[in-house]
Amino acid sequence: MSILIQIELLMTVALFLYGIAYVMAKNKNKWHKAVAIVGFLMDAYGTLLMFQIKKGGWMTGVLVSDIHTILSLVALILFFVQLTLGLTRKIKWHRRFALWVFFPVWALAFLSGAFLAH
């Protein structure tokens, strides 16, 4: 399987798992943390593969590629903020941050990556 297909699968699974984790958290399901962490692992591994491709010289456009790289790194950092809010039991902020900060930034990174891939 090509590395691009692996990245597409990893990021699509991460998107699905992040969405499932949000719904589970909203319904007070304690397994949402595990689902979100697995989503994060898929996200992080996909991002690692992207950095390996970029090191090898694959780039569709410097500006779009740089914006995608920045959005991807910011989204990974925001996941840790999201995790911290959840672990410190700031539930109200945890949900709001997921919906209005983390997920929109992650979705922009996802869409810019889809644009770069095709």
PDB file of N, CA and C in Angstrom:
ATOM      1  N   MET A   1       0.854  -1.175   0.000  1.00  0.00           N
ATOM      2  CA  MET A   1       0.000   0.000   0.000  1.00  0.00           C
ATOM      3  C   MET A   1       0.899   1.236   0.000  1.00  0.00           C
ATOM      4  N   SER A   2       0.578   2.180  -0.849  1.00  0.00           N
ATOM      5  CA  SER A   2       1.414   3.383  -0.941  1.00  0.00           C
ATOM      6  C   SER A   2       1.292   4.224   0.329  1.00  0.00           C
ATOM      7  N   ILE A   3       2.302   5.018   0.560  1.00  0.00           N
ATOM      8  CA  ILE A   3       2.329   5.852   1.757  1.00  0.00           C
ATOM      9  C   ILE A   3       1.202   6.887   1.748  1.00  0.00           C
ATOM     10  N   LEU A   4       0.843   7.386   0.563  1.00  0.00           N
ATOM     11  CA  LEU A   4      -0.258   8.357   0.487  1.00  0.00           C
ATOM     12  C   LEU A   4      -1.583   7.722   0.887  1.00  0.00           C
ATOM     13  N   ILE A   5      -1.810   6.488   0.463  1.00  0.00           N
ATOM     14  CA  ILE A   5      -3.051   5.794   0.842  1.00  0.00           C
ATOM     15  C   ILE A   5      -3.048   5.514   2.342  1.00  0.00           C
ATOM     16  N   GLN A   6      -1.898   5.146   2.889  1.00  0.00           N
ATOM     17  CA  GLN A   6      -1.800   4.932   4.338  1.00  0.00           C
ATOM     18  C   GLN A   6      -2.168   6.206   5.096  1.00  0.00           C
ATOM     19  N   ILE A   7      -1.634   7.331   4.630  1.00  0.00           N
ATOM     20  CA  ILE A   7      -1.930   8.612   5.285  1.00  0.00           C
ATOM     21  C   ILE A   7      -3.417   8.930   5.189  1.00  0.00           C
ATOM     22  N   GLU A   8      -3.995   8.753   4.010  1.00  0.00           N
ATOM     23  CA  GLU A   8      -5.428   9.024   3.837  1.00  0.00           C
ATOM     24  C   GLU A   8      -6.262   8.157   4.772  1.00  0.00           C
ATOM     25  N   LEU A   9      -5.912   6.877   4.883  1.00  0.00           N
ATOM     26  CA  LEU A   9      -6.652   5.977   5.780  1.00  0.00           C
ATOM     27  C   LEU A   9      -6.483   6.391   7.238  1.00  0.00           C
ATOM     28  N   LEU A  10      -5.256   6.655   7.642  1.00  0.00           N
ATOM     29  CA  LEU A  10      -5.003   7.050   9.030  1.00  0.00           C
ATOM     30  C   LEU A  10      -5.770   8.313   9.405  1.00  0.00           C
ATOM     31  N   MET A  11      -5.736   9.313   8.544  1.00  0.00           N
ATOM     32  CA  MET A  11      -6.389  10.577   8.864  1.00  0.00           C
ATOM     33  C   MET A  11      -7.911  10.456   8.823  1.00  0.00           C
ATOM     34  N   THR A  12      -8.425   9.619   7.921  1.00  0.00           N
ATOM     35  CA  THR A  12      -9.876   9.408   7.862  1.00  0.00           C
ATOM     36  C   THR A  12     -10.354   8.666   9.103  1.00  0.00           C
ATOM     37  N   VAL A  13      -9.586   7.660   9.533  1.00  0.00           N
ATOM     38  CA  VAL A  13      -9.935   6.937  10.763  1.00  0.00           C
ATOM     39  C   VAL A  13      -9.850   7.886  11.958  1.00  0.00           C
ATOM     40  N   ALA A  14      -8.825   8.743  12.001  1.00  0.00           N
ATOM     41  CA  ALA A  14      -8.703   9.718  13.094  1.00  0.00           C
ATOM     42  C   ALA A  14      -9.916  10.645  13.130  1.00  0.00           C
ATOM     43  N   LEU A  15     -10.326  11.136  11.968  1.00  0.00           N
ATOM     44  CA  LEU A  15     -11.512  11.997  11.884  1.00  0.00           C
ATOM     45  C   LEU A  15     -12.736  11.277  12.446  1.00  0.00           C
ATOM     46  N   PHE A  16     -12.933  10.041  12.025  1.00  0.00           N
ATOM     47  CA  PHE A  16     -14.064   9.241  12.481  1.00  0.00           C
ATOM     48  C   PHE A  16     -14.000   9.043  14.000  1.00  0.00           C
ATOM     49  N   LEU A  17     -12.824   8.688  14.511  1.00  0.00           N
ATOM     50  CA  LEU A  17     -12.683   8.436  15.950  1.00  0.00           C
ATOM     51  C   LEU A  17     -12.861   9.707  16.774  1.00  0.00           C
ATOM     52  N   TYR A  18     -12.347  10.833  16.303  1.00  0.00           N
ATOM     53  CA  TYR A  18     -12.555  12.098  17.019  1.00  0.00           C
ATOM     54  C   TYR A  18     -14.051  12.427  17.098  1.00  0.00           C
ATOM     55  N   GLY A  19     -14.764  12.219  16.000  1.00  0.00           N
ATOM     56  CA  GLY A  19     -16.210  12.467  15.997  1.00  0.00           C
ATOM     57  C   GLY A  19     -16.951  11.542  16.947  1.00  0.00           C
ATOM     58  N   ILE A  20     -16.592  10.258  16.919  1.00  0.00           N
ATOM     59  CA  ILE A  20     -17.203   9.273  17.824  1.00  0.00           C
ATOM     60  C   ILE A  20     -16.909   9.643  19.277  1.00  0.00           C
ATOM     61  N   ALA A  21     -15.669  10.031  19.562  1.00  0.00           N
ATOM     62  CA  ALA A  21     -15.290  10.397  20.930  1.00  0.00           C
ATOM     63  C   ALA A  21     -16.103  11.595  21.416  1.00  0.00           C
ATOM     64  N   TYR A  22     -16.339  12.560  20.534  1.00  0.00           N
ATOM     65  CA  TYR A  22     -17.123  13.733  20.927  1.00  0.00           C
ATOM     66  C   TYR A  22     -18.548  13.329  21.296  1.00  0.00           C
ATOM     67  N   VAL A  23     -19.160  12.499  20.463  1.00  0.00           N
ATOM     68  CA  VAL A  23     -20.531  12.047  20.734  1.00  0.00           C
ATOM     69  C   VAL A  23     -20.566  11.220  22.015  1.00  0.00           C
ATOM     70  N   MET A  24     -19.569  10.349  22.193  1.00  0.00           N
ATOM     71  CA  MET A  24     -19.513   9.535  23.411  1.00  0.00           C
ATOM     72  C   MET A  24     -19.375  10.412  24.654  1.00  0.00           C
ATOM     73  N   ALA A  25     -18.535  11.445  24.577  1.00  0.00           N
ATOM     74  CA  ALA A  25     -18.341  12.344  25.722  1.00  0.00           C
ATOM     75  C   ALA A  25     -19.628  13.089  26.041  1.00  0.00           C
ATOM     76  N   LYS A  26     -20.320  13.495  24.994  1.00  0.00           N
ATOM     77  CA  LYS A  26     -21.585  14.208  25.182  1.00  0.00           C
ATOM     78  C   LYS A  26     -22.603  13.323  25.908  1.00  0.00           C
ATOM     79  N   ASN A  27     -22.538  12.016  25.635  1.00  0.00           N
ATOM     80  CA  ASN A  27     -23.445  11.059  26.273  1.00  0.00           C
ATOM     81  C   ASN A  27     -22.869  10.483  27.564  1.00  0.00           C
ATOM     82  N   LYS A  28     -21.789  11.097  28.048  1.00  0.00           N
ATOM     83  CA  LYS A  28     -21.146  10.725  29.309  1.00  0.00           C
ATOM     84  C   LYS A  28     -20.613   9.289  29.319  1.00  0.00           C
ATOM     85  N   ASN A  29     -20.159   8.828  28.178  1.00  0.00           N
ATOM     86  CA  ASN A  29     -19.551   7.509  28.070  1.00  0.00           C
ATOM     87  C   ASN A  29     -18.071   7.637  28.421  1.00  0.00           C
ATOM     88  N   LYS A  30     -17.627   6.863  29.414  1.00  0.00           N
ATOM     89  CA  LYS A  30     -16.249   6.980  29.891  1.00  0.00           C
ATOM     90  C   LYS A  30     -15.219   6.462  28.896  1.00  0.00           C
ATOM     91  N   TRP A  31     -15.633   5.698  27.906  1.00  0.00           N
ATOM     92  CA  TRP A  31     -14.704   5.160  26.912  1.00  0.00           C
ATOM     93  C   TRP A  31     -14.288   6.211  25.889  1.00  0.00           C
ATOM     94  N   HIS A  32     -14.891   7.396  25.942  1.00  0.00           N
ATOM     95  CA  HIS A  32     -14.553   8.415  24.947  1.00  0.00           C
ATOM     96  C   HIS A  32     -13.077   8.794  24.998  1.00  0.00           C
ATOM     97  N   LYS A  33     -12.472   8.708  26.185  1.00  0.00           N
ATOM     98  CA  LYS A  33     -11.049   9.044  26.305  1.00  0.00           C
ATOM     99  C   LYS A  33     -10.193   8.077  25.497  1.00  0.00           C
ATOM    100  N   ALA A  34     -10.489   6.793  25.627  1.00  0.00           N
ATOM    101  CA  ALA A  34      -9.716   5.782  24.890  1.00  0.00           C
ATOM    102  C   ALA A  34      -9.892   5.961  23.385  1.00  0.00           C
ATOM    103  N   VAL A  35     -11.114   6.226  22.959  1.00  0.00           N
ATOM    104  CA  VAL A  35     -11.388   6.421  21.526  1.00  0.00           C
ATOM    105  C   VAL A  35     -10.648   7.661  21.019  1.00  0.00           C
ATOM    106  N   ALA A  36     -10.664   8.742  21.795  1.00  0.00           N
ATOM    107  CA  ALA A  36      -9.967   9.970  21.394  1.00  0.00           C
ATOM    108  C   ALA A  36      -8.458   9.747  21.328  1.00  0.00           C
ATOM    109  N   ILE A  37      -7.918   9.001  22.269  1.00  0.00           N
ATOM    110  CA  ILE A  37      -6.471   8.746  22.271  1.00  0.00           C
ATOM    111  C   ILE A  37      -6.069   7.883  21.081  1.00  0.00           C
ATOM    112  N   VAL A  38      -6.873   6.884  20.739  1.00  0.00           N
ATOM    113  CA  VAL A  38      -6.577   6.078  19.545  1.00  0.00           C
ATOM    114  C   VAL A  38      -6.651   6.969  18.300  1.00  0.00           C
ATOM    115  N   GLY A  39      -7.632   7.864  18.249  1.00  0.00           N
ATOM    116  CA  GLY A  39      -7.715   8.824  17.148  1.00  0.00           C
ATOM    117  C   GLY A  39      -6.465   9.684  17.078  1.00  0.00           C
ATOM    118  N   PHE A  40      -6.000  10.129  18.238  1.00  0.00           N
ATOM    119  CA  PHE A  40      -4.780  10.935  18.282  1.00  0.00           C
ATOM    120  C   PHE A  40      -3.573  10.148  17.777  1.00  0.00           C
ATOM    121  N   LEU A  41      -3.470   8.886  18.166  1.00  0.00           N
ATOM    122  CA  LEU A  41      -2.347   8.058  17.709  1.00  0.00           C
ATOM    123  C   LEU A  41      -2.367   7.900  16.192  1.00  0.00           C
ATOM    124  N   MET A  42      -3.554   7.698  15.623  1.00  0.00           N
ATOM    125  CA  MET A  42      -3.680   7.610  14.160  1.00  0.00           C
ATOM    126  C   MET A  42      -3.263   8.942  13.524  1.00  0.00           C
ATOM    127  N   ASP A  43      -3.718  10.022  14.111  1.00  0.00           N
ATOM    128  CA  ASP A  43      -3.408  11.373  13.645  1.00  0.00           C
ATOM    129  C   ASP A  43      -1.895  11.615  13.695  1.00  0.00           C
ATOM    130  N   ALA A  44      -1.287  11.303  14.829  1.00  0.00           N
ATOM    131  CA  ALA A  44       0.148  11.537  15.002  1.00  0.00           C
ATOM    132  C   ALA A  44       0.974  10.689  14.032  1.00  0.00           C
ATOM    133  N   TYR A  45       0.589   9.432  13.842  1.00  0.00           N
ATOM    134  CA  TYR A  45       1.335   8.569  12.921  1.00  0.00           C
ATOM    135  C   TYR A  45       1.179   9.060  11.479  1.00  0.00           C
ATOM    136  N   GLY A  46      -0.022   9.461  11.110  1.00  0.00           N
ATOM    137  CA  GLY A  46      -0.243  10.024   9.776  1.00  0.00           C
ATOM    138  C   GLY A  46       0.574  11.286   9.564  1.00  0.00           C
ATOM    139  N   THR A  47       0.653  12.121  10.596  1.00  0.00           N
ATOM    140  CA  THR A  47       1.447  13.346  10.515  1.00  0.00           C
ATOM    141  C   THR A  47       2.934  13.015  10.375  1.00  0.00           C
ATOM    142  N   LEU A  48       3.395  12.012  11.107  1.00  0.00           N
ATOM    143  CA  LEU A  48       4.785  11.570  10.989  1.00  0.00           C
ATOM    144  C   LEU A  48       5.098  11.114   9.560  1.00  0.00           C
ATOM    145  N   LEU A  49       4.192  10.341   8.973  1.00  0.00           N
ATOM    146  CA  LEU A  49       4.389   9.899   7.590  1.00  0.00           C
ATOM    147  C   LEU A  49       4.444  11.088   6.632  1.00  0.00           C
ATOM    148  N   MET A  50       3.625  12.105   6.899  1.00  0.00           N
ATOM    149  CA  MET A  50       3.644  13.300   6.049  1.00  0.00           C
ATOM    150  C   MET A  50       4.988  14.015   6.131  1.00  0.00           C
ATOM    151  N   PHE A  51       5.550  14.098   7.330  1.00  0.00           N
ATOM    152  CA  PHE A  51       6.859  14.732   7.474  1.00  0.00           C
ATOM    153  C   PHE A  51       7.932  13.942   6.737  1.00  0.00           C
ATOM    154  N   GLN A  52       7.811  12.620   6.742  1.00  0.00           N
ATOM    155  CA  GLN A  52       8.777  11.798   6.010  1.00  0.00           C
ATOM    156  C   GLN A  52       8.671  12.039   4.509  1.00  0.00           C
ATOM    157  N   ILE A  53       7.457  12.187   4.006  1.00  0.00           N
ATOM    158  CA  ILE A  53       7.268  12.482   2.584  1.00  0.00           C
ATOM    159  C   ILE A  53       7.875  13.842   2.250  1.00  0.00           C
ATOM    160  N   LYS A  54       7.604  14.829   3.096  1.00  0.00           N
ATOM    161  CA  LYS A  54       8.096  16.181   2.830  1.00  0.00           C
ATOM    162  C   LYS A  54       9.621  16.210   2.835  1.00  0.00           C
ATOM    163  N   LYS A  55      10.233  15.445   3.735  1.00  0.00           N
ATOM    164  CA  LYS A  55      11.691  15.362   3.762  1.00  0.00           C
ATOM    165  C   LYS A  55      12.225  14.808   2.452  1.00  0.00           C
ATOM    166  N   GLY A  56      11.442  13.900   1.853  1.00  0.00           N
ATOM    167  CA  GLY A  56      11.852  13.298   0.595  1.00  0.00           C
ATOM    168  C   GLY A  56      11.636  14.204  -0.602  1.00  0.00           C
ATOM    169  N   GLY A  57      11.105  15.397  -0.388  1.00  0.00           N
ATOM    170  CA  GLY A  57      10.967  16.359  -1.465  1.00  0.00           C
ATOM    171  C   GLY A  57       9.574  16.462  -2.060  1.00  0.00           C
ATOM    172  N   TRP A  58       8.605  15.692  -1.568  1.00  0.00           N
ATOM    173  CA  TRP A  58       7.248  15.754  -2.115  1.00  0.00           C
ATOM    174  C   TRP A  58       6.574  17.015  -1.602  1.00  0.00           C
ATOM    175  N   MET A  59       6.149  17.851  -2.523  1.00  0.00           N
ATOM    176  CA  MET A  59       5.466  19.082  -2.143  1.00  0.00           C
ATOM    177  C   MET A  59       4.649  19.570  -3.335  1.00  0.00           C
ATOM    178  N   THR A  60       3.389  19.912  -3.106  1.00  0.00           N
ATOM    179  CA  THR A  60       2.529  20.361  -4.197  1.00  0.00           C
ATOM    180  C   THR A  60       2.541  21.871  -4.346  1.00  0.00           C
ATOM    181  N   GLY A  61       2.823  22.551  -3.320  1.00  0.00           N
ATOM    182  CA  GLY A  61       2.856  24.011  -3.356  1.00  0.00           C
ATOM    183  C   GLY A  61       3.383  24.472  -2.027  1.00  0.00           C
ATOM    184  N   VAL A  62       4.386  25.282  -2.043  1.00  0.00           N
ATOM    185  CA  VAL A  62       5.049  25.644  -0.800  1.00  0.00           C
ATOM    186  C   VAL A  62       4.089  26.309   0.176  1.00  0.00           C
ATOM    187  N   LEU A  63       3.314  27.279  -0.270  1.00  0.00           N
ATOM    188  CA  LEU A  63       2.426  28.002   0.637  1.00  0.00           C
ATOM    189  C   LEU A  63       1.377  27.083   1.245  1.00  0.00           C
ATOM    190  N   VAL A  64       0.691  26.312   0.413  1.00  0.00           N
ATOM    191  CA  VAL A  64      -0.347  25.407   0.928  1.00  0.00           C
ATOM    192  C   VAL A  64       0.283  24.362   1.828  1.00  0.00           C
ATOM    193  N   SER A  65       1.425  23.849   1.434  1.00  0.00           N
ATOM    194  CA  SER A  65       2.113  22.841   2.227  1.00  0.00           C
ATOM    195  C   SER A  65       2.516  23.398   3.591  1.00  0.00           C
ATOM    196  N   ASP A  66       3.039  24.619   3.618  1.00  0.00           N
ATOM    197  CA  ASP A  66       3.434  25.229   4.886  1.00  0.00           C
ATOM    198  C   ASP A  66       2.231  25.496   5.781  1.00  0.00           C
ATOM    199  N   ILE A  67       1.145  25.975   5.207  1.00  0.00           N
ATOM    200  CA  ILE A  67      -0.077  26.200   5.984  1.00  0.00           C
ATOM    201  C   ILE A  67      -0.573  24.875   6.551  1.00  0.00           C
ATOM    202  N   HIS A  68      -0.551  23.833   5.739  1.00  0.00           N
ATOM    203  CA  HIS A  68      -0.988  22.515   6.197  1.00  0.00           C
ATOM    204  C   HIS A  68      -0.101  22.024   7.345  1.00  0.00           C
ATOM    205  N   THR A  69       1.203  22.193   7.210  1.00  0.00           N
ATOM    206  CA  THR A  69       2.134  21.765   8.257  1.00  0.00           C
ATOM    207  C   THR A  69       1.849  22.499   9.562  1.00  0.00           C
ATOM    208  N   ILE A  70       1.663  23.800   9.489  1.00  0.00           N
ATOM    209  CA  ILE A  70       1.385  24.598  10.685  1.00  0.00           C
ATOM    210  C   ILE A  70       0.057  24.182  11.306  1.00  0.00           C
ATOM    211  N   LEU A  71      -0.984  24.040  10.491  1.00  0.00           N
ATOM    212  CA  LEU A  71      -2.293  23.624  11.013  1.00  0.00           C
ATOM    213  C   LEU A  71      -2.208  22.252  11.671  1.00  0.00           C
ATOM    214  N   SER A  72      -1.460  21.340  11.069  1.00  0.00           N
ATOM    215  CA  SER A  72      -1.331  19.988  11.617  1.00  0.00           C
ATOM    216  C   SER A  72      -0.658  20.012  12.984  1.00  0.00           C
ATOM    217  N   LEU A  73       0.413  20.765  13.102  1.00  0.00           N
ATOM    218  CA  LEU A  73       1.115  20.849  14.383  1.00  0.00           C
ATOM    219  C   LEU A  73       0.263  21.545  15.439  1.00  0.00           C
ATOM    220  N   VAL A  74      -0.422  22.611  15.052  1.00  0.00           N
ATOM    221  CA  VAL A  74      -1.306  23.312  15.990  1.00  0.00           C
ATOM    222  C   VAL A  74      -2.417  22.376  16.456  1.00  0.00           C
ATOM    223  N   ALA A  75      -2.987  21.591  15.540  1.00  0.00           N
ATOM    224  CA  ALA A  75      -4.061  20.660  15.907  1.00  0.00           C
ATOM    225  C   ALA A  75      -3.564  19.616  16.902  1.00  0.00           C
ATOM    226  N   LEU A  76      -2.346  19.110  16.709  1.00  0.00           N
ATOM    227  CA  LEU A  76      -1.795  18.137  17.657  1.00  0.00           C
ATOM    228  C   LEU A  76      -1.587  18.772  19.032  1.00  0.00           C
ATOM    229  N   ILE A  77      -1.116  20.005  19.064  1.00  0.00           N
ATOM    230  CA  ILE A  77      -0.935  20.711  20.335  1.00  0.00           C
ATOM    231  C   ILE A  77      -2.290  20.965  20.997  1.00  0.00           C
ATOM    232  N   LEU A  78      -3.277  21.364  20.201  1.00  0.00           N
ATOM    233  CA  LEU A  78      -4.615  21.614  20.751  1.00  0.00           C
ATOM    234  C   LEU A  78      -5.232  20.348  21.336  1.00  0.00           C
ATOM    235  N   PHE A  79      -4.869  19.184  20.790  1.00  0.00           N
ATOM    236  CA  PHE A  79      -5.369  17.939  21.367  1.00  0.00           C
ATOM    237  C   PHE A  79      -4.904  17.820  22.817  1.00  0.00           C
ATOM    238  N   PHE A  80      -3.652  18.201  23.088  1.00  0.00           N
ATOM    239  CA  PHE A  80      -3.148  18.124  24.460  1.00  0.00           C
ATOM    240  C   PHE A  80      -3.853  19.123  25.375  1.00  0.00           C
ATOM    241  N   VAL A  81      -4.199  20.284  24.857  1.00  0.00           N
ATOM    242  CA  VAL A  81      -4.996  21.238  25.642  1.00  0.00           C
ATOM    243  C   VAL A  81      -6.354  20.612  25.942  1.00  0.00           C
ATOM    244  N   GLN A  82      -6.944  20.005  24.917  1.00  0.00           N
ATOM    245  CA  GLN A  82      -8.237  19.328  25.066  1.00  0.00           C
ATOM    246  C   GLN A  82      -8.144  18.230  26.126  1.00  0.00           C
ATOM    247  N   LEU A  83      -7.095  17.437  26.051  1.00  0.00           N
ATOM    248  CA  LEU A  83      -6.880  16.355  27.009  1.00  0.00           C
ATOM    249  C   LEU A  83      -6.725  16.905  28.423  1.00  0.00           C
ATOM    250  N   THR A  84      -5.971  17.986  28.573  1.00  0.00           N
ATOM    251  CA  THR A  84      -5.762  18.602  29.884  1.00  0.00           C
ATOM    252  C   THR A  84      -7.072  19.116  30.468  1.00  0.00           C
ATOM    253  N   LEU A  85      -7.893  19.741  29.651  1.00  0.00           N
ATOM    254  CA  LEU A  85      -9.198  20.215  30.134  1.00  0.00           C
ATOM    255  C   LEU A  85     -10.047  19.050  30.629  1.00  0.00           C
ATOM    256  N   GLY A  86      -9.998  17.942  29.916  1.00  0.00           N
ATOM    257  CA  GLY A  86     -10.769  16.770  30.331  1.00  0.00           C
ATOM    258  C   GLY A  86     -10.231  16.145  31.605  1.00  0.00           C
ATOM    259  N   LEU A  87      -8.911  16.017  31.694  1.00  0.00           N
ATOM    260  CA  LEU A  87      -8.305  15.385  32.867  1.00  0.00           C
ATOM    261  C   LEU A  87      -8.447  16.231  34.126  1.00  0.00           C
ATOM    262  N   THR A  88      -8.508  17.551  33.966  1.00  0.00           N
ATOM    263  CA  THR A  88      -8.683  18.429  35.127  1.00  0.00           C
ATOM    264  C   THR A  88     -10.164  18.665  35.440  1.00  0.00           C
ATOM    265  N   ARG A  89     -10.995  17.916  34.746  1.00  0.00           N
ATOM    266  CA  ARG A  89     -12.446  17.928  34.976  1.00  0.00           C
ATOM    267  C   ARG A  89     -13.104  19.282  34.716  1.00  0.00           C
ATOM    268  N   LYS A  90     -12.581  20.014  33.793  1.00  0.00           N
ATOM    269  CA  LYS A  90     -13.227  21.259  33.361  1.00  0.00           C
ATOM    270  C   LYS A  90     -14.144  20.895  32.196  1.00  0.00           C
ATOM    271  N   ILE A  91     -15.195  20.148  32.525  1.00  0.00           N
ATOM    272  CA  ILE A  91     -16.046  19.506  31.528  1.00  0.00           C
ATOM    273  C   ILE A  91     -16.703  20.515  30.587  1.00  0.00           C
ATOM    274  N   LYS A  92     -17.217  21.602  31.134  1.00  0.00           N
ATOM    275  CA  LYS A  92     -17.881  22.607  30.293  1.00  0.00           C
ATOM    276  C   LYS A  92     -16.907  23.141  29.235  1.00  0.00           C
ATOM    277  N   TRP A  93     -15.696  23.494  29.670  1.00  0.00           N
ATOM    278  CA  TRP A  93     -14.684  24.012  28.745  1.00  0.00           C
ATOM    279  C   TRP A  93     -14.152  22.920  27.832  1.00  0.00           C
ATOM    280  N   HIS A  94     -14.090  21.716  28.346  1.00  0.00           N
ATOM    281  CA  HIS A  94     -13.618  20.565  27.565  1.00  0.00           C
ATOM    282  C   HIS A  94     -14.487  20.374  26.324  1.00  0.00           C
ATOM    283  N   ARG A  95     -15.789  20.395  26.508  1.00  0.00           N
ATOM    284  CA  ARG A  95     -16.716  20.211  25.381  1.00  0.00           C
ATOM    285  C   ARG A  95     -16.689  21.400  24.424  1.00  0.00           C
ATOM    286  N   ARG A  96     -16.716  22.598  24.986  1.00  0.00           N
ATOM    287  CA  ARG A  96     -16.699  23.800  24.134  1.00  0.00           C
ATOM    288  C   ARG A  96     -15.407  23.883  23.321  1.00  0.00           C
ATOM    289  N   PHE A  97     -14.294  23.604  23.961  1.00  0.00           N
ATOM    290  CA  PHE A  97     -13.003  23.650  23.280  1.00  0.00           C
ATOM    291  C   PHE A  97     -12.963  22.630  22.150  1.00  0.00           C
ATOM    292  N   ALA A  98     -13.495  21.438  22.405  1.00  0.00           N
ATOM    293  CA  ALA A  98     -13.521  20.397  21.366  1.00  0.00           C
ATOM    294  C   ALA A  98     -14.314  20.869  20.155  1.00  0.00           C
ATOM    295  N   LEU A  99     -15.482  21.413  20.407  1.00  0.00           N
ATOM    296  CA  LEU A  99     -16.381  21.787  19.319  1.00  0.00           C
ATOM    297  C   LEU A  99     -15.949  23.050  18.581  1.00  0.00           C
ATOM    298  N   TRP A 100     -15.481  24.053  19.306  1.00  0.00           N
ATOM    299  CA  TRP A 100     -15.242  25.358  18.694  1.00  0.00           C
ATOM    300  C   TRP A 100     -13.776  25.689  18.423  1.00  0.00           C
ATOM    301  N   VAL A 101     -12.837  24.925  18.980  1.00  0.00           N
ATOM    302  CA  VAL A 101     -11.425  25.231  18.754  1.00  0.00           C
ATOM    303  C   VAL A 101     -10.701  24.048  18.121  1.00  0.00           C
ATOM    304  N   PHE A 102     -10.609  22.935  18.868  1.00  0.00           N
ATOM    305  CA  PHE A 102      -9.833  21.795  18.376  1.00  0.00           C
ATOM    306  C   PHE A 102     -10.361  21.249  17.050  1.00  0.00           C
ATOM    307  N   PHE A 103     -11.633  20.892  17.016  1.00  0.00           N
ATOM    308  CA  PHE A 103     -12.161  20.245  15.812  1.00  0.00           C
ATOM    309  C   PHE A 103     -12.098  21.140  14.573  1.00  0.00           C
ATOM    310  N   PRO A 104     -12.451  22.430  14.652  1.00  0.00           N
ATOM    311  CA  PRO A 104     -12.327  23.268  13.444  1.00  0.00           C
ATOM    312  C   PRO A 104     -10.889  23.369  12.918  1.00  0.00           C
ATOM    313  N   VAL A 105      -9.914  23.522  13.820  1.00  0.00           N
ATOM    314  CA  VAL A 105      -8.520  23.594  13.369  1.00  0.00           C
ATOM    315  C   VAL A 105      -8.112  22.268  12.749  1.00  0.00           C
ATOM    316  N   TRP A 106      -8.500  21.166  13.396  1.00  0.00           N
ATOM    317  CA  TRP A 106      -8.155  19.851  12.868  1.00  0.00           C
ATOM    318  C   TRP A 106      -8.822  19.633  11.509  1.00  0.00           C
ATOM    319  N   ALA A 107     -10.060  20.057  11.371  1.00  0.00           N
ATOM    320  CA  ALA A 107     -10.768  19.890  10.093  1.00  0.00           C
ATOM    321  C   ALA A 107     -10.089  20.697   8.984  1.00  0.00           C
ATOM    322  N   LEU A 108      -9.613  21.899   9.296  1.00  0.00           N
ATOM    323  CA  LEU A 108      -8.880  22.689   8.300  1.00  0.00           C
ATOM    324  C   LEU A 108      -7.591  21.979   7.885  1.00  0.00           C
ATOM    325  N   ALA A 109      -6.898  21.401   8.855  1.00  0.00           N
ATOM    326  CA  ALA A 109      -5.683  20.640   8.532  1.00  0.00           C
ATOM    327  C   ALA A 109      -6.034  19.434   7.664  1.00  0.00           C
ATOM    328  N   PHE A 110      -7.122  18.761   7.998  1.00  0.00           N
ATOM    329  CA  PHE A 110      -7.572  17.593   7.228  1.00  0.00           C
ATOM    330  C   PHE A 110      -7.895  17.994   5.789  1.00  0.00           C
ATOM    331  N   LEU A 111      -8.655  19.070   5.627  1.00  0.00           N
ATOM    332  CA  LEU A 111      -9.053  19.514   4.286  1.00  0.00           C
ATOM    333  C   LEU A 111      -7.862  20.023   3.472  1.00  0.00           C
ATOM    334  N   SER A 112      -6.942  20.731   4.125  1.00  0.00           N
ATOM    335  CA  SER A 112      -5.765  21.193   3.381  1.00  0.00           C
ATOM    336  C   SER A 112      -4.901  20.005   2.967  1.00  0.00           C
ATOM    337  N   GLY A 113      -4.860  18.969   3.803  1.00  0.00           N
ATOM    338  CA  GLY A 113      -4.134  17.749   3.433  1.00  0.00           C
ATOM    339  C   GLY A 113      -4.790  17.034   2.271  1.00  0.00           C
ATOM    340  N   ALA A 114      -6.109  17.007   2.265  1.00  0.00           N
ATOM    341  CA  ALA A 114      -6.833  16.381   1.145  1.00  0.00           C
ATOM    342  C   ALA A 114      -6.560  17.151  -0.144  1.00  0.00           C
ATOM    343  N   PHE A 115      -6.498  18.479  -0.041  1.00  0.00           N
ATOM    344  CA  PHE A 115      -6.192  19.307  -1.208  1.00  0.00           C
ATOM    345  C   PHE A 115      -4.783  19.007  -1.725  1.00  0.00           C
ATOM    346  N   LEU A 116      -3.834  18.872  -0.811  1.00  0.00           N
ATOM    347  CA  LEU A 116      -2.454  18.587  -1.213  1.00  0.00           C
ATOM    348  C   LEU A 116      -2.310  17.211  -1.851  1.00  0.00           C
ATOM    349  N   ALA A 117      -3.094  16.265  -1.373  1.00  0.00           N
ATOM    350  CA  ALA A 117      -2.968  14.881  -1.850  1.00  0.00           C
ATOM    351  C   ALA A 117      -3.526  14.699  -3.254  1.00  0.00           C
ATOM    352  N   HIS A 118      -4.406  15.602  -3.690  1.00  0.00           N
ATOM    353  CA  HIS A 118      -5.044  15.391  -5.004  1.00  0.00           C
ATOM    354  C   HIS A 118      -4.804  16.508  -5.940  1.00  0.00           C
TER     355      HIS A 118
END
